[in-house]
C-alpha atoms as a PDB file:
ATOM      1  CA  MET A   1      11.973   4.357  -2.164  1.00  0.00           C
ATOM      2  CA  THR A   2      13.237   7.628  -0.230  1.00  0.00           C
ATOM      3  CA  SER A   3      16.030   7.392   1.460  1.00  0.00           C
ATOM      4  CA  ALA A   4      16.973   9.103   4.461  1.00  0.00           C
ATOM      5  CA  VAL A   5      20.612   8.758   4.556  1.00  0.00           C
ATOM      6  CA  THR A   6      22.732   8.055   1.796  1.00  0.00           C
ATOM      7  CA  THR A   7      27.268   7.158   1.604  1.00  0.00           C
ATOM      8  CA  ARG A   8      28.289   7.376  -2.038  1.00  0.00           C
ATOM      9  CA  GLY A   9      32.324   5.994  -2.467  1.00  0.00           C
ATOM     10  CA  LEU A  10      32.634   6.380   1.607  1.00  0.00           C
ATOM     11  CA  TRP A  11      36.099   5.937   2.946  1.00  0.00           C
ATOM     12  CA  GLN A  12      38.219   6.789   6.154  1.00  0.00           C
ATOM     13  CA  VAL A  13      42.151   6.298   5.811  1.00  0.00           C
ATOM     14  CA  PHE A  14      43.799   6.688   8.337  1.00  0.00           C
ATOM     15  CA  GLY A  15      47.664   8.022   9.188  1.00  0.00           C
ATOM     16  CA  ALA A  16      49.483  10.802   8.111  1.00  0.00           C
ATOM     17  CA  GLY A  17      49.219  12.283   4.187  1.00  0.00           C
ATOM     18  CA  ALA A  18      45.443   9.845   4.249  1.00  0.00           C
ATOM     19  CA  LYS A  19      44.141  12.316   2.324  1.00  0.00           C
ATOM     20  CA  ALA A  20      46.751  12.807  -0.020  1.00  0.00           C
ATOM     21  CA  ALA A  21      47.616   9.303  -1.159  1.00  0.00           C
ATOM     22  CA  LEU A  22      43.879   8.452  -1.516  1.00  0.00           C
ATOM     23  CA  THR A  23      43.190  11.360  -3.491  1.00  0.00           C
ATOM     24  CA  ARG A  24      46.436   9.832  -5.804  1.00  0.00           C
ATOM     25  CA  GLU A  25      44.977   6.460  -5.926  1.00  0.00           C
ATOM     26  CA  LEU A  26      41.706   7.469  -6.964  1.00  0.00           C
ATOM     27  CA  GLN A  27      42.419   9.622  -9.954  1.00  0.00           C
ATOM     28  CA  ARG A  28      44.269   7.021 -11.292  1.00  0.00           C
ATOM     29  CA  GLY A  29      40.781   5.008 -11.558  1.00  0.00           C
ATOM     30  CA  ALA A  30      42.188   1.854  -9.654  1.00  0.00           C
ATOM     31  CA  ALA A  31      39.427  -0.674  -8.178  1.00  0.00           C
ATOM     32  CA  SER A  32      39.153   0.264  -4.258  1.00  0.00           C
ATOM     33  CA  GLU A  33      40.631  -2.956  -3.451  1.00  0.00           C
ATOM     34  CA  ASP A  34      43.998  -2.385  -5.255  1.00  0.00           C
ATOM     35  CA  VAL A  35      43.812   1.742  -3.991  1.00  0.00           C
ATOM     36  CA  ALA A  36      43.289  -0.053  -0.163  1.00  0.00           C
ATOM     37  CA  SER A  37      46.124  -2.609  -0.788  1.00  0.00           C
ATOM     38  CA  VAL A  38      48.618   0.638  -2.149  1.00  0.00           C
ATOM     39  CA  LEU A  39      47.392   2.470   1.147  1.00  0.00           C
ATOM     40  CA  ARG A  40      47.654  -0.658   3.061  1.00  0.00           C
ATOM     41  CA  ALA A  41      51.603  -0.710   1.669  1.00  0.00           C
ATOM     42  CA  GLU A  42      52.502   2.702   2.358  1.00  0.00           C
ATOM     43  CA  GLY A  43      51.667   2.314   5.766  1.00  0.00           C
ATOM     44  CA  LEU A  44      48.058   3.992   5.978  1.00  0.00           C
ATOM     45  CA  ILE A  45      44.537   2.163   7.542  1.00  0.00           C
ATOM     46  CA  PRO A  46      41.602   1.989   4.818  1.00  0.00           C
ATOM     47  CA  ALA A  47      38.922   1.575   7.416  1.00  0.00           C
ATOM     48  CA  VAL A  48      36.020   2.195   5.322  1.00  0.00           C
ATOM     49  CA  GLN A  49      36.237   1.687   1.694  1.00  0.00           C
ATOM     50  CA  ASP A  50      33.956   2.958  -0.709  1.00  0.00           C
ATOM     51  CA  ALA A  51      30.879   2.365   0.920  1.00  0.00           C
ATOM     52  CA  SER A  52      27.631   3.104  -1.090  1.00  0.00           C
ATOM     53  CA  ILE A  53      24.467   3.628   1.068  1.00  0.00           C
ATOM     54  CA  ASP A  54      20.618   3.993   0.717  1.00  0.00           C
ATOM     55  CA  VAL A  55      18.855   4.614   3.609  1.00  0.00           C
ATOM     56  CA  GLY A  56      15.027   4.187   3.227  1.00  0.00           C
ATOM     57  CA  GLU A  57      12.820   7.052   5.491  1.00  0.00           C
ATOM     58  CA  GLY A  58      11.683   5.192   8.486  1.00  0.00           C
ATOM     59  CA  GLU A  59      14.174   1.931   7.449  1.00  0.00           C
ATOM     60  CA  LEU A  60      16.350  -0.155  10.343  1.00  0.00           C
ATOM     61  CA  PHE A  61      19.464  -0.614   8.390  1.00  0.00           C
ATOM     62  CA  VAL A  62      21.455  -2.996  10.328  1.00  0.00           C
ATOM     63  CA  ILE A  63      25.413  -2.288   9.559  1.00  0.00           C
ATOM     64  CA  MET A  64      27.230  -5.823  11.018  1.00  0.00           C
ATOM     65  CA  GLY A  65      30.881  -6.886  11.064  1.00  0.00           C
ATOM     66  CA  LEU A  66      33.301  -8.491  12.975  1.00  0.00           C
ATOM     67  CA  SER A  67      35.277  -6.722  15.295  1.00  0.00           C
ATOM     68  CA  GLY A  68      37.614  -4.767  13.378  1.00  0.00           C
ATOM     69  CA  SER A  69      35.598  -4.286  10.173  1.00  0.00           C
ATOM     70  CA  GLY A  70      34.770  -1.066   9.917  1.00  0.00           C
ATOM     71  CA  LYS A  71      30.705  -0.256  11.261  1.00  0.00           C
ATOM     72  CA  SER A  72      32.035   1.509  13.989  1.00  0.00           C
ATOM     73  CA  THR A  73      33.947   4.086  11.789  1.00  0.00           C
ATOM     74  CA  MET A  74      31.647   3.886   9.200  1.00  0.00           C
ATOM     75  CA  ILE A  75      28.894   5.433  11.301  1.00  0.00           C
ATOM     76  CA  ARG A  76      30.929   7.640  13.290  1.00  0.00           C
ATOM     77  CA  SER A  77      31.889   8.648   9.207  1.00  0.00           C
ATOM     78  CA  ILE A  78      28.161   9.358   8.229  1.00  0.00           C
ATOM     79  CA  SER A  79      27.963  10.977  11.182  1.00  0.00           C
ATOM     80  CA  ARG A  80      31.219  12.927  10.896  1.00  0.00           C
ATOM     81  CA  LEU A  81      32.228  12.081  14.464  1.00  0.00           C
ATOM     82  CA  ALA A  82      35.237  11.208  12.231  1.00  0.00           C
ATOM     83  CA  GLU A  83      35.831  13.096   9.153  1.00  0.00           C
ATOM     84  CA  PRO A  84      35.458  10.701   6.559  1.00  0.00           C
ATOM     85  CA  THR A  85      38.477  11.407   4.542  1.00  0.00           C
ATOM     86  CA  ALA A  86      36.591  11.359   0.868  1.00  0.00           C
ATOM     87  CA  GLY A  87      32.643  10.426  -0.838  1.00  0.00           C
ATOM     88  CA  GLU A  88      29.580  11.505  -0.348  1.00  0.00           C
ATOM     89  CA  VAL A  89      27.017  11.637   2.723  1.00  0.00           C
ATOM     90  CA  ILE A  90      23.611  13.040   2.616  1.00  0.00           C
ATOM     91  CA  MET A  91      21.208  13.051   4.644  1.00  0.00           C
ATOM     92  CA  GLN A  92      17.419  14.171   3.968  1.00  0.00           C
ATOM     93  CA  GLY A  93      18.847  15.874   0.723  1.00  0.00           C
ATOM     94  CA  GLU A  94      21.935  18.058   2.752  1.00  0.00           C
ATOM     95  CA  ASP A  95      25.677  17.121   2.247  1.00  0.00           C
ATOM     96  CA  LEU A  96      26.717  16.741   5.761  1.00  0.00           C
ATOM     97  CA  LEU A  97      30.159  17.050   4.473  1.00  0.00           C
ATOM     98  CA  LYS A  98      29.732  20.323   3.678  1.00  0.00           C
ATOM     99  CA  ALA A  99      28.062  21.259   6.688  1.00  0.00           C
ATOM    100  CA  SER A 100      30.174  23.649   8.577  1.00  0.00           C
ATOM    101  CA  LYS A 101      30.811  23.061  12.777  1.00  0.00           C
ATOM    102  CA  ALA A 102      27.412  25.167  13.883  1.00  0.00           C
ATOM    103  CA  ARG A 103      25.654  23.387  11.496  1.00  0.00           C
ATOM    104  CA  MET A 104      26.850  19.500  12.284  1.00  0.00           C
ATOM    105  CA  THR A 105      26.257  21.207  15.956  1.00  0.00           C
ATOM    106  CA  GLU A 106      23.042  21.760  15.211  1.00  0.00           C
ATOM    107  CA  LEU A 107      22.038  18.948  13.586  1.00  0.00           C
ATOM    108  CA  ARG A 108      23.508  16.816  16.563  1.00  0.00           C
ATOM    109  CA  ARG A 109      20.309  18.719  18.973  1.00  0.00           C
ATOM    110  CA  THR A 110      17.629  18.168  16.384  1.00  0.00           C
ATOM    111  CA  LYS A 111      17.577  15.987  14.019  1.00  0.00           C
ATOM    112  CA  LEU A 112      20.710  13.384  14.435  1.00  0.00           C
ATOM    113  CA  GLY A 113      19.998  10.879  17.566  1.00  0.00           C
ATOM    114  CA  MET A 114      22.992   9.166  18.767  1.00  0.00           C
ATOM    115  CA  VAL A 115      23.227   6.162  21.266  1.00  0.00           C
ATOM    116  CA  PHE A 116      26.741   4.283  22.056  1.00  0.00           C
ATOM    117  CA  GLN A 117      27.698   0.862  24.458  1.00  0.00           C
ATOM    118  CA  HIS A 118      29.381   3.247  26.666  1.00  0.00           C
ATOM    119  CA  PHE A 119      25.636   5.559  28.441  1.00  0.00           C
ATOM    120  CA  GLY A 120      27.301   8.540  28.712  1.00  0.00           C
ATOM    121  CA  LEU A 121      24.944   9.208  31.616  1.00  0.00           C
ATOM    122  CA  PHE A 122      25.528  12.337  33.774  1.00  0.00           C
ATOM    123  CA  PRO A 123      26.033  10.801  36.823  1.00  0.00           C
ATOM    124  CA  HIS A 124      25.085  14.196  39.105  1.00  0.00           C
ATOM    125  CA  MET A 125      21.176  14.189  37.404  1.00  0.00           C
ATOM    126  CA  THR A 126      18.494  12.181  37.548  1.00  0.00           C
ATOM    127  CA  VAL A 127      17.080  10.220  35.295  1.00  0.00           C
ATOM    128  CA  ILE A 128      14.826  12.633  33.754  1.00  0.00           C
ATOM    129  CA  ASP A 129      17.334  15.105  33.410  1.00  0.00           C
ATOM    130  CA  ASN A 130      19.425  13.219  32.167  1.00  0.00           C
ATOM    131  CA  VAL A 131      16.701  12.454  29.253  1.00  0.00           C
ATOM    132  CA  ALA A 132      15.556  15.748  29.238  1.00  0.00           C
ATOM    133  CA  PHE A 133      19.116  17.101  28.737  1.00  0.00           C
ATOM    134  CA  PRO A 134      19.107  17.601  25.152  1.00  0.00           C
ATOM    135  CA  LEU A 135      15.704  19.744  25.690  1.00  0.00           C
ATOM    136  CA  LYS A 136      17.988  21.945  28.245  1.00  0.00           C
ATOM    137  CA  VAL A 137      20.616  22.590  25.769  1.00  0.00           C
ATOM    138  CA  ARG A 138      17.529  24.112  23.071  1.00  0.00           C
ATOM    139  CA  GLY A 139      16.901  26.089  26.253  1.00  0.00           C
ATOM    140  CA  MET A 140      13.378  24.843  27.086  1.00  0.00           C
ATOM    141  CA  GLY A 141      12.570  25.117  30.338  1.00  0.00           C
ATOM    142  CA  ARG A 142      12.262  22.483  33.599  1.00  0.00           C
ATOM    143  CA  LYS A 143       9.318  22.310  33.211  1.00  0.00           C
ATOM    144  CA  GLU A 144       7.934  22.182  30.160  1.00  0.00           C
ATOM    145  CA  ARG A 145      10.764  19.738  28.968  1.00  0.00           C
ATOM    146  CA  HIS A 146      10.226  17.066  32.369  1.00  0.00           C
ATOM    147  CA  GLU A 147       6.575  17.091  30.959  1.00  0.00           C
ATOM    148  CA  LYS A 148       7.865  16.492  27.575  1.00  0.00           C
ATOM    149  CA  VAL A 149       9.521  13.570  28.079  1.00  0.00           C
ATOM    150  CA  ARG A 150       8.314  11.763  30.833  1.00  0.00           C
ATOM    151  CA  GLU A 151       6.061   9.654  28.091  1.00  0.00           C
ATOM    152  CA  ILE A 152       9.598   9.073  26.929  1.00  0.00           C
ATOM    153  CA  ILE A 153      10.464   7.476  30.490  1.00  0.00           C
ATOM    154  CA  GLU A 154       7.604   5.088  30.429  1.00  0.00           C
ATOM    155  CA  MET A 155       7.852   4.140  26.683  1.00  0.00           C
ATOM    156  CA  VAL A 156      10.950   2.632  27.706  1.00  0.00           C
ATOM    157  CA  GLY A 157      10.037   1.032  30.844  1.00  0.00           C
ATOM    158  CA  LEU A 158      11.887   3.540  32.974  1.00  0.00           C
ATOM    159  CA  ALA A 159       7.997   4.737  34.909  1.00  0.00           C
ATOM    160  CA  GLY A 160       8.262   4.726  38.328  1.00  0.00           C
ATOM    161  CA  ARG A 161      12.787   5.909  38.337  1.00  0.00           C
ATOM    162  CA  GLU A 162      12.665   9.315  37.345  1.00  0.00           C
ATOM    163  CA  ASP A 163      14.162  10.380  40.061  1.00  0.00           C
ATOM    164  CA  ALA A 164      17.121   7.774  40.596  1.00  0.00           C
ATOM    165  CA  TYR A 165      20.884   8.565  39.236  1.00  0.00           C
ATOM    166  CA  PRO A 166      22.500   6.659  37.590  1.00  0.00           C
ATOM    167  CA  ARG A 167      24.771   4.371  40.389  1.00  0.00           C
ATOM    168  CA  GLN A 168      21.255   3.127  40.935  1.00  0.00           C
ATOM    169  CA  LEU A 169      20.546   1.572  38.125  1.00  0.00           C
ATOM    170  CA  SER A 170      20.918  -2.021  36.491  1.00  0.00           C
ATOM    171  CA  GLY A 171      23.206  -1.439  33.418  1.00  0.00           C
ATOM    172  CA  GLY A 172      19.576  -2.503  31.047  1.00  0.00           C
ATOM    173  CA  GLN A 173      18.034   0.478  32.883  1.00  0.00           C
ATOM    174  CA  LYS A 174      21.335   2.826  31.825  1.00  0.00           C
ATOM    175  CA  GLN A 175      20.898   1.872  28.843  1.00  0.00           C
ATOM    176  CA  ARG A 176      17.161   2.477  28.908  1.00  0.00           C
ATOM    177  CA  VAL A 177      17.901   6.126  29.915  1.00  0.00           C
ATOM    178  CA  GLY A 178      20.342   6.763  26.709  1.00  0.00           C
ATOM    179  CA  ILE A 179      17.919   5.358  24.346  1.00  0.00           C
ATOM    180  CA  ALA A 180      15.236   7.877  25.963  1.00  0.00           C
ATOM    181  CA  ARG A 181      18.003  11.030  25.887  1.00  0.00           C
ATOM    182  CA  SER A 182      18.190  10.920  22.061  1.00  0.00           C
ATOM    183  CA  LEU A 183      14.583  10.037  21.404  1.00  0.00           C
ATOM    184  CA  ALA A 184      13.905  13.157  23.607  1.00  0.00           C
ATOM    185  CA  GLY A 185      15.349  15.116  20.848  1.00  0.00           C
ATOM    186  CA  ASP A 186      12.469  14.206  18.337  1.00  0.00           C
ATOM    187  CA  CYS A 187      15.286  13.140  15.752  1.00  0.00           C
ATOM    188  CA  GLU A 188      14.828  11.936  12.282  1.00  0.00           C
ATOM    189  CA  VAL A 189      17.979   9.895  11.579  1.00  0.00           C
ATOM    190  CA  TRP A 190      18.720   7.747  14.808  1.00  0.00           C
ATOM    191  CA  MET A 191      22.907   5.987  15.170  1.00  0.00           C
ATOM    192  CA  LEU A 192      23.214   3.335  16.923  1.00  0.00           C
ATOM    193  CA  ASP A 193      26.630   1.497  17.978  1.00  0.00           C
ATOM    194  CA  GLU A 194      26.109  -2.317  19.389  1.00  0.00           C
ATOM    195  CA  PRO A 195      23.597  -0.531  22.246  1.00  0.00           C
ATOM    196  CA  PHE A 196      22.643  -4.098  23.839  1.00  0.00           C
ATOM    197  CA  SER A 197      26.086  -5.796  22.605  1.00  0.00           C
ATOM    198  CA  ALA A 198      27.293  -5.351  26.462  1.00  0.00           C
ATOM    199  CA  LEU A 199      23.771  -6.490  28.367  1.00  0.00           C
ATOM    200  CA  ASP A 200      23.597  -9.562  29.733  1.00  0.00           C
ATOM    201  CA  PRO A 201      21.448 -11.934  27.060  1.00  0.00           C
ATOM    202  CA  LEU A 202      18.372 -11.895  29.223  1.00  0.00           C
ATOM    203  CA  ILE A 203      18.209  -8.001  29.598  1.00  0.00           C
ATOM    204  CA  ARG A 204      19.292  -7.636  25.829  1.00  0.00           C
ATOM    205  CA  ARG A 205      16.259  -9.327  24.211  1.00  0.00           C
ATOM    206  CA  GLN A 206      14.001  -6.961  26.358  1.00  0.00           C
ATOM    207  CA  LEU A 207      15.568  -4.080  24.983  1.00  0.00           C
ATOM    208  CA  GLN A 208      15.410  -5.904  21.882  1.00  0.00           C
ATOM    209  CA  ASP A 209      11.985  -6.311  21.570  1.00  0.00           C
ATOM    210  CA  GLU A 210      10.970  -2.878  23.280  1.00  0.00           C
ATOM    211  CA  PHE A 211      13.259  -1.313  20.732  1.00  0.00           C
ATOM    212  CA  LEU A 212      10.887  -2.787  17.930  1.00  0.00           C
ATOM    213  CA  SER A 213       8.266  -1.496  19.660  1.00  0.00           C
ATOM    214  CA  ILE A 214       9.054   1.675  20.158  1.00  0.00           C
ATOM    215  CA  GLN A 215      10.286   1.968  16.634  1.00  0.00           C
ATOM    216  CA  GLU A 216       6.790   0.690  15.179  1.00  0.00           C
ATOM    217  CA  LYS A 217       5.475   3.730  16.708  1.00  0.00           C
ATOM    218  CA  LEU A 218       7.921   6.259  16.114  1.00  0.00           C
ATOM    219  CA  LYS A 219       8.625   4.684  12.350  1.00  0.00           C
ATOM    220  CA  THR A 220      12.389   6.863  12.569  1.00  0.00           C
ATOM    221  CA  THR A 221      15.646   6.004  10.429  1.00  0.00           C
ATOM    222  CA  ILE A 222      17.746   3.784  12.164  1.00  0.00           C
ATOM    223  CA  LEU A 223      20.698   2.875  11.471  1.00  0.00           C
ATOM    224  CA  PHE A 224      22.059   0.206  13.848  1.00  0.00           C
ATOM    225  CA  ILE A 225      25.251  -1.173  14.949  1.00  0.00           C
ATOM    226  CA  THR A 226      25.964  -4.776  15.604  1.00  0.00           C
ATOM    227  CA  HIS A 227      28.357  -8.076  15.685  1.00  0.00           C
ATOM    228  CA  ASP A 228      25.392 -10.141  16.201  1.00  0.00           C
ATOM    229  CA  ILE A 229      23.622 -12.469  13.310  1.00  0.00           C
ATOM    230  CA  ALA A 230      20.672 -12.970  15.223  1.00  0.00           C
ATOM    231  CA  GLU A 231      20.491  -9.448  16.764  1.00  0.00           C
ATOM    232  CA  ALA A 232      20.717  -8.054  13.331  1.00  0.00           C
ATOM    233  CA  LEU A 233      18.398 -10.366  11.751  1.00  0.00           C
ATOM    234  CA  LYS A 234      15.540 -10.413  14.554  1.00  0.00           C
ATOM    235  CA  LEU A 235      15.782  -6.242  14.222  1.00  0.00           C
ATOM    236  CA  ALA A 236      16.657  -5.108  10.267  1.00  0.00           C
ATOM    237  CA  ASP A 237      14.850  -4.643   7.619  1.00  0.00           C
ATOM    238  CA  ARG A 238      17.839  -4.487   5.897  1.00  0.00           C
ATOM    239  CA  ILE A 239      21.342  -5.431   6.812  1.00  0.00           C
ATOM    240  CA  ALA A 240      24.909  -4.528   5.482  1.00  0.00           C
ATOM    241  CA  ILE A 241      27.679  -7.011   6.300  1.00  0.00           C
ATOM    242  CA  MET A 242      30.718  -5.601   6.087  1.00  0.00           C
ATOM    243  CA  ARG A 243      34.612  -7.153   6.299  1.00  0.00           C
ATOM    244  CA  ASP A 244      38.032  -5.049   6.194  1.00  0.00           C
ATOM    245  CA  GLY A 245      36.471  -1.889   6.057  1.00  0.00           C
ATOM    246  CA  ARG A 246      34.587  -3.343   2.632  1.00  0.00           C
ATOM    247  CA  ILE A 247      30.731  -3.881   2.518  1.00  0.00           C
ATOM    248  CA  VAL A 248      30.190  -7.260   1.254  1.00  0.00           C
ATOM    249  CA  GLN A 249      26.111  -8.497   0.719  1.00  0.00           C
ATOM    250  CA  ILE A 250      23.165  -6.004   1.408  1.00  0.00           C
ATOM    251  CA  GLY A 251      19.969  -7.511   1.807  1.00  0.00           C
ATOM    252  CA  THR A 252      16.686  -8.153   3.595  1.00  0.00           C
ATOM    253  CA  PRO A 253      17.184 -10.969   6.787  1.00  0.00           C
ATOM    254  CA  THR A 254      16.440 -13.468   4.230  1.00  0.00           C
ATOM    255  CA  GLU A 255      18.492 -12.706   1.578  1.00  0.00           C
ATOM    256  CA  ILE A 256      21.738 -12.885   4.019  1.00  0.00           C
ATOM    257  CA  VAL A 257      20.517 -16.565   5.140  1.00  0.00           C
ATOM    258  CA  LEU A 258      18.743 -17.595   1.776  1.00  0.00           C
ATOM    259  CA  ASN A 259      21.598 -15.946  -0.290  1.00  0.00           C
ATOM    260  CA  PRO A 260      24.945 -15.406   1.328  1.00  0.00           C
ATOM    261  CA  VAL A 261      27.576 -14.398  -1.304  1.00  0.00           C
ATOM    262  CA  ASP A 262      30.525 -15.867  -0.453  1.00  0.00           C
ATOM    263  CA  GLU A 263      32.201 -17.936   2.430  1.00  0.00           C
ATOM    264  CA  TYR A 264      32.615 -14.884   5.216  1.00  0.00           C
ATOM    265  CA  VAL A 265      28.071 -14.158   5.673  1.00  0.00           C
ATOM    266  CA  ARG A 266      27.552 -18.035   5.004  1.00  0.00           C
ATOM    267  CA  GLU A 267      29.641 -18.285   7.745  1.00  0.00           C
ATOM    268  CA  PHE A 268      28.046 -15.541   9.996  1.00  0.00           C
ATOM    269  CA  ALA A 269      24.568 -17.232   8.762  1.00  0.00           C
ATOM    270  CA  ARG A 270      25.411 -21.021  10.086  1.00  0.00           C
ATOM    271  CA  ASP A 271      23.328 -21.664  12.638  1.00  0.00           C
ATOM    272  CA  VAL A 272      20.945 -19.858  11.933  1.00  0.00           C
ATOM    273  CA  PRO A 273      17.779 -22.158  12.097  1.00  0.00           C
ATOM    274  CA  LYS A 274      16.894 -21.486   7.817  1.00  0.00           C
ATOM    275  CA  GLY A 275      13.060 -22.325   8.347  1.00  0.00           C
ATOM    276  CA  ARG A 276      12.559 -19.026  10.573  1.00  0.00           C
ATOM    277  CA  HIS A 277      14.025 -16.481   7.544  1.00  0.00           C
ATOM    278  CA  MET A 278      12.368 -18.252   4.108  1.00  0.00           C
ATOM    279  CA  THR A 279       8.318 -17.957   4.129  1.00  0.00           C
ATOM    280  CA  LEU A 280       6.126 -19.817   2.479  1.00  0.00           C
ATOM    281  CA  ALA A 281       6.053 -17.227  -0.946  1.00  0.00           C
ATOM    282  CA  GLU A 282       9.846 -18.307  -1.847  1.00  0.00           C
ATOM    283  CA  VAL A 283       8.734 -21.823  -1.999  1.00  0.00           C
ATOM    284  CA  MET A 284       5.010 -22.282  -2.544  1.00  0.00           C
ATOM    285  CA  GLU A 285       4.582 -24.472  -6.222  1.00  0.00           C
ATOM    286  CA  PRO A 286       1.535 -23.368  -8.934  1.00  0.00           C
ATOM    287  CA  LEU A 287      -1.769 -23.501  -8.871  1.00  0.00           C
ATOM    288  CA  ASN A 288      -2.741 -26.267 -11.194  1.00  0.00           C
ATOM    289  CA  GLY A 289      -6.495 -27.747 -10.723  1.00  0.00           C
ATOM    290  CA  ALA A 290      -8.403 -27.929  -8.345  1.00  0.00           C
ATOM    291  CA  VAL A 291      -7.917 -25.730  -4.886  1.00  0.00           C
ATOM    292  CA  PRO A 292      -7.616 -27.104  -1.516  1.00  0.00           C
ATOM    293  CA  THR A 293     -10.649 -26.780   0.257  1.00  0.00           C
ATOM    294  CA  ASP A 294      -8.713 -28.528   3.987  1.00  0.00           C
ATOM    295  CA  GLY A 295      -5.967 -28.371   5.795  1.00  0.00           C
ATOM    296  CA  PRO A 296      -4.634 -24.969   7.963  1.00  0.00           C
ATOM    297  CA  GLU A 297      -4.742 -21.263   7.174  1.00  0.00           C
ATOM    298  CA  LEU A 298      -1.622 -20.789   5.284  1.00  0.00           C
ATOM    299  CA  SER A 299      -0.325 -17.244   4.219  1.00  0.00           C
ATOM    300  CA  THR A 300       2.370 -16.505   1.859  1.00  0.00           C
ATOM    301  CA  SER A 301       4.557 -14.678   4.471  1.00  0.00           C
ATOM    302  CA  MET A 302       4.411 -17.319   6.519  1.00  0.00           C
ATOM    303  CA  SER A 303       8.111 -18.016   7.615  1.00  0.00           C
ATOM    304  CA  LEU A 304       8.481 -22.333   7.053  1.00  0.00           C
ATOM    305  CA  GLU A 305       8.935 -22.567  10.147  1.00  0.00           C
ATOM    306  CA  ASP A 306       5.275 -22.112  11.204  1.00  0.00           C
ATOM    307  CA  ALA A 307       3.977 -23.506   8.192  1.00  0.00           C
ATOM    308  CA  LEU A 308       5.887 -26.963   9.423  1.00  0.00           C
ATOM    309  CA  ALA A 309       4.235 -27.244  13.439  1.00  0.00           C
ATOM    310  CA  ASP A 310       0.634 -26.022  11.620  1.00  0.00           C
ATOM    311  CA  CYS A 311       1.168 -28.744   8.560  1.00  0.00           C
ATOM    312  CA  ALA A 312       3.038 -31.225  10.588  1.00  0.00           C
ATOM    313  CA  LEU A 313      -0.111 -33.624  10.625  1.00  0.00           C
ATOM    314  CA  SER A 314      -0.800 -33.392   7.069  1.00  0.00           C
ATOM    315  CA  MET A 315      -0.490 -35.461   4.247  1.00  0.00           C
ATOM    316  CA  GLN A 316      -2.395 -33.427   1.250  1.00  0.00           C
ATOM    317  CA  PRO A 317      -1.187 -30.326  -0.628  1.00  0.00           C
ATOM    318  CA  MET A 318      -2.232 -27.151   1.138  1.00  0.00           C
ATOM    319  CA  ALA A 319      -3.487 -23.856  -0.425  1.00  0.00           C
ATOM    320  CA  VAL A 320      -1.843 -20.457   0.388  1.00  0.00           C
ATOM    321  CA  LYS A 321      -3.317 -17.421   0.364  1.00  0.00           C
ATOM    322  CA  ASP A 322      -2.001 -13.813  -0.048  1.00  0.00           C
ATOM    323  CA  GLY A 323      -3.085 -11.247   1.672  1.00  0.00           C
ATOM    324  CA  ASP A 324      -5.932 -10.474   0.458  1.00  0.00           C
ATOM    325  CA  GLY A 325      -7.324 -13.644   0.668  1.00  0.00           C
ATOM    326  CA  LYS A 326      -6.251 -15.133  -2.546  1.00  0.00           C
ATOM    327  CA  VAL A 327      -5.042 -18.458  -2.720  1.00  0.00           C
ATOM    328  CA  VAL A 328      -1.770 -18.112  -4.725  1.00  0.00           C
ATOM    329  CA  GLY A 329       0.094 -21.228  -5.020  1.00  0.00           C
ATOM    330  CA  LEU A 330       0.436 -24.826  -2.756  1.00  0.00           C
ATOM    331  CA  VAL A 331       3.105 -26.916  -0.487  1.00  0.00           C
ATOM    332  CA  ARG A 332       3.151 -30.674  -0.377  1.00  0.00           C
ATOM    333  CA  PRO A 333       4.151 -31.801   3.085  1.00  0.00           C
ATOM    334  CA  GLU A 334       7.316 -33.249   1.293  1.00  0.00           C
ATOM    335  CA  LEU A 335       7.744 -29.774   0.092  1.00  0.00           C
ATOM    336  CA  PHE A 336       9.290 -28.332   3.752  1.00  0.00           C
ATOM    337  CA  ALA A 337      12.060 -31.278   3.808  1.00  0.00           C
ATOM    338  CA  ARG A 338      13.603 -30.117   0.514  1.00  0.00           C
ATOM    339  CA  ALA A 339      13.579 -26.800   1.049  1.00  0.00           C
ATOM    340  CA  LEU A 340      15.332 -27.029   4.440  1.00  0.00           C
ATOM    341  CA  GLY A 341      17.966 -29.989   3.895  1.00  0.00           C
ATOM    342  CA  ALA A 342      18.445 -27.497  -0.025  1.00  0.00           C
ATOM    343  CA  GLN A 343      19.445 -24.850   2.415  1.00  0.00           C
ATOM    344  CA  GLY A 344      21.271 -26.074   5.716  1.00  0.00           C
END
C-alpha cells in the first residue's frame, strides 16, 4: 500500500511551555503514557499522544472516539490548522511540518480539501459561487469555474439549486454545498471532521450513501472523523480508535467488531450485529471429500447475515467459492449459530 498520509510520533500538547516540557520528557526516553502523565501533572494538556498512522492512496480512513478523545485535534494537527508540538506529518512524500505558511496555503488550495461540521458558507453567495470559490481564489474566470463545478453540484444532488442562497437551503443541502466546494479544488487528500453529525438521521444516511458513491468515482484519499460507530463501520476501509489522546486500535471494520483490543473498543461495538461484519472466509471449514453441488451460491466475501438468509432452509453442508468461482470451503447450518453465539 502506497502511503498518502503518514504521521510518526505526533504530539499535540496545549499549555504554556508545552514544547520545552515535551522535548525534555521525550529526551528521557520514557514511555508515551508516562510522558503524558508528567505533562498533566505540570498542568499541560496532551491532546494527541505519540500518534502514528499510515493512510494509503485512495483509502477511506476513519478516526473515531468519544468527545475529548483527541480525534478532531489529530486531524487539525495533520493539516497544521493547529501546529503539532512534536512528530512528523508526511503527505505524498512531503514533510508538512517543514513547509512554510505560504506552502501550506498553496496545499490547502490545491491538494488538501477540508470539510467541517459547521458549513462555513458565504451567505451572500449562491450555491454555484460558494462551490466555485476555491477556483476563484486561484484566479479562474467566472464562466470557466461555473462550467467546471456544475458536474460536482450534480454529483452531490444539488442540480437545480445552483442559484439558491444558503438561507434557502436545508441543513443537508448546506452540507452538500460544503462537500462540493471541497471537491471543486480537485483535492488529493480530503479531511472531513464530523461532517454529518448535525443532521437528521434520515438525511445523514442519505449523505453517507452519496458520500460512498462519490468516493467510488473519485478514489480520493480521505481522513474522516466521527464519534458514531455505525457511521465508521459503514464508511471505513480502516478505523483508528482514539482514547484520551492515544490511538488504541487500528483495524478494518471486521477486526474492530470481532477482535477489540480492550473493553473501551469492545463497548463501541457491543450493539453492532456481528453477522454483518463477519464473512464466510472467516468461519468456513476446509474441503474434506466430495464437493456439495446443491444449495445457494455462496462466496468467501459474503457476510454471515446475508449467507444466513440464503441458507435458512438448508440442512446440508454448502460449498463456498472464492472470487474466481473455485470451491474453497464448506459451511454447515450449525456453523452459523456457533459463530454468531461465540461473538455475541
